[in-house]
Each structure stands twice: as C-alpha cells, then as structure tokens.
C-alpha cells in the first residue's frame, strides 16, 4: 500500500509541476493508453506465472 501512496503522490506532484510550466502531462492519452499499460503489466505477470508453473 505504501508503494501505491508514494506513486500517487509522485504523480500528483509531476502533474502540478507540468501544469505550472505549461507542458503537456506525461501520461498516456485516454483509456487506450491506460489499457496499454495494463496489458504490459498483465503480460509480465502472466509470463512469470507461466514460468513458475511449467518450468520450475
């Protein structure tokens, strides 16, 4: 839970700083970008599960 709070805090700070200096936010656009990140994470977790289950 601590990682989640630190990550959220860092994201909020970066969002404020980027908005203050009039730069576009460094985040993926809308839902498709967020789903891409979720897919990358799910693929990494799935790979680890497959390796542990079938090759250990």
Protein backbone atom coordinates (compact mmCIF):
# COMPACT_ATOMS: atom_id res chain seq x y z
CA UNK A 1 0.00 0.00 0.00
CA UNK A 2 2.92 2.28 0.73
CA UNK A 3 4.11 1.97 -2.89
CA UNK A 4 0.69 2.96 -4.15
CA UNK A 5 0.58 6.08 -1.98
CA UNK A 6 4.11 7.09 -2.97
CA UNK A 7 3.30 6.54 -6.64
CA UNK A 8 0.12 8.59 -6.40
CA UNK A 9 1.95 11.38 -4.57
CA UNK A 10 4.70 11.45 -7.19
CA UNK A 11 2.11 11.52 -9.96
CA UNK A 12 0.26 14.41 -8.35
CA UNK A 13 3.47 16.40 -7.91
CA UNK A 14 4.52 15.78 -11.52
CA UNK A 15 1.05 16.77 -12.75
CA UNK A 16 1.16 20.03 -10.79
CA UNK A 17 4.69 20.87 -11.95
CA UNK A 18 3.96 20.12 -15.61
CA UNK A 19 0.73 22.15 -15.47
CA UNK A 20 2.50 25.05 -13.76
CA UNK A 21 5.16 25.29 -16.50
CA UNK A 22 2.56 24.81 -19.24
CA UNK A 23 3.78 21.45 -20.58
CA UNK A 24 1.57 18.56 -21.67
CA UNK A 25 1.22 15.95 -18.96
CA UNK A 26 3.48 12.90 -19.37
CA UNK A 27 0.66 10.38 -19.34
CA UNK A 28 -0.93 8.18 -21.99
CA UNK A 29 -3.93 9.66 -23.75
CA UNK A 30 -7.33 8.48 -22.55
CA UNK A 31 -8.38 4.91 -21.98
CA UNK A 32 -6.43 3.26 -24.81
CA UNK A 33 -3.10 4.37 -23.33
CA UNK A 34 -4.06 3.23 -19.85
CA UNK A 35 -5.20 -0.14 -21.20
CA UNK A 36 -1.86 -0.50 -23.00
CA UNK A 37 -0.06 -0.09 -19.68
CA UNK A 38 -2.40 -2.60 -18.04
CA UNK A 39 -1.72 -5.03 -20.89
CA UNK A 40 2.04 -4.72 -20.49
CA UNK A 41 1.75 -5.37 -16.76
CA UNK A 42 -0.61 -8.32 -17.28
CA UNK A 43 1.78 -9.81 -19.83
CA UNK A 44 4.72 -9.56 -17.44
CA UNK A 45 2.73 -11.12 -14.59
CA UNK A 46 1.40 -13.83 -16.89
CA UNK A 47 4.89 -14.68 -18.11
CA UNK A 48 6.15 -15.05 -14.55
CA UNK A 49 3.18 -17.27 -13.70
CA UNK A 50 3.77 -19.50 -16.71
CA UNK A 51 7.49 -19.83 -16.00
CA UNK A 52 6.90 -20.67 -12.32
CA UNK A 53 4.08 -23.10 -13.07
CA UNK A 54 5.52 -25.04 -16.00
CA UNK A 55 9.29 -24.57 -15.95
CA UNK A 56 10.23 -24.74 -12.27
